[in-house]
């Protein structure tokens, strides 16, 4: 129950932050330059972080350590 409340509060804070940052910004990565809304950039960064965290939490393959 507490975990759901904390998650809801964090999601609300992220949404408020994104809605207040809707200006168009120029994003440069290696050889690419892209103009996009800062809100899209923030959502993309959040998605990459969530996927990365999810992948790190996946159980690894167990290796047999027979001696």
Protein backbone atom coordinates (compact mmCIF):
# COMPACT_ATOMS: atom_id res chain seq x y z
CA UNK A 1 0.00 0.00 0.00
CA UNK A 2 2.75 2.45 0.96
CA UNK A 3 4.72 1.45 -2.14
CA UNK A 4 1.77 2.31 -4.38
CA UNK A 5 1.36 5.73 -2.73
CA UNK A 6 5.07 6.52 -3.15
CA UNK A 7 4.94 5.36 -6.79
CA UNK A 8 1.90 7.54 -7.46
CA UNK A 9 3.62 10.56 -5.90
CA UNK A 10 6.76 10.02 -7.99
CA UNK A 11 4.75 9.64 -11.19
CA UNK A 12 2.85 12.84 -10.35
CA UNK A 13 6.10 14.74 -9.78
CA UNK A 14 7.53 13.51 -13.09
CA UNK A 15 4.38 14.51 -14.97
CA UNK A 16 4.36 17.99 -13.40
CA UNK A 17 8.05 18.43 -14.26
CA UNK A 18 7.51 17.34 -17.86
CA UNK A 19 4.44 19.52 -18.40
CA UNK A 20 6.36 22.58 -17.18
CA UNK A 21 9.24 21.91 -19.61
CA UNK A 22 7.67 21.88 -23.07
CA UNK A 23 10.13 24.16 -24.87
CA UNK A 24 11.80 22.96 -28.05
CA UNK A 25 15.45 22.10 -27.54
CA UNK A 26 18.25 20.94 -29.82
CA UNK A 27 19.64 17.55 -28.90
CA UNK A 28 23.07 16.50 -30.20
CA UNK A 29 24.29 12.93 -30.06
CA UNK A 30 27.43 11.88 -31.90
CA UNK A 31 26.75 12.97 -35.50
CA UNK A 32 23.02 13.61 -35.18
CA UNK A 33 21.27 16.85 -34.30
CA UNK A 34 17.58 16.75 -33.51
CA UNK A 35 15.12 19.45 -32.46
CA UNK A 36 12.43 18.11 -30.18
CA UNK A 37 10.22 19.03 -27.27
CA UNK A 38 11.99 18.88 -23.93
CA UNK A 39 9.02 16.88 -22.61
CA UNK A 40 9.64 14.15 -25.22
CA UNK A 41 13.31 14.12 -24.35
CA UNK A 42 12.50 13.74 -20.65
CA UNK A 43 10.02 10.93 -21.30
CA UNK A 44 12.58 9.18 -23.51
CA UNK A 45 15.25 9.49 -20.84
CA UNK A 46 12.83 8.16 -18.22
CA UNK A 47 11.92 5.22 -20.47
CA UNK A 48 15.58 4.36 -21.07
CA UNK A 49 16.22 4.47 -17.32
CA UNK A 50 13.24 2.27 -16.54
CA UNK A 51 14.20 -0.27 -19.19
CA UNK A 52 17.81 -0.28 -17.95
CA UNK A 53 16.67 -0.85 -14.37
CA UNK A 54 14.33 -3.60 -15.45
CA UNK A 55 17.09 -5.33 -17.40
CA UNK A 56 19.46 -5.15 -14.43
CA UNK A 57 16.83 -6.68 -12.18
CA UNK A 58 16.28 -9.70 -14.44
CA UNK A 59 17.73 -12.84 -12.94
CA UNK A 60 21.02 -13.84 -14.52
CA UNK A 61 21.75 -17.23 -15.92
CA UNK A 62 22.97 -19.54 -13.19
CA UNK A 63 26.24 -21.25 -13.99
CA UNK A 64 26.92 -24.71 -12.74
CA UNK A 65 30.01 -24.69 -10.59
CA UNK A 66 30.70 -28.40 -10.43
CA UNK A 67 34.13 -29.14 -9.01
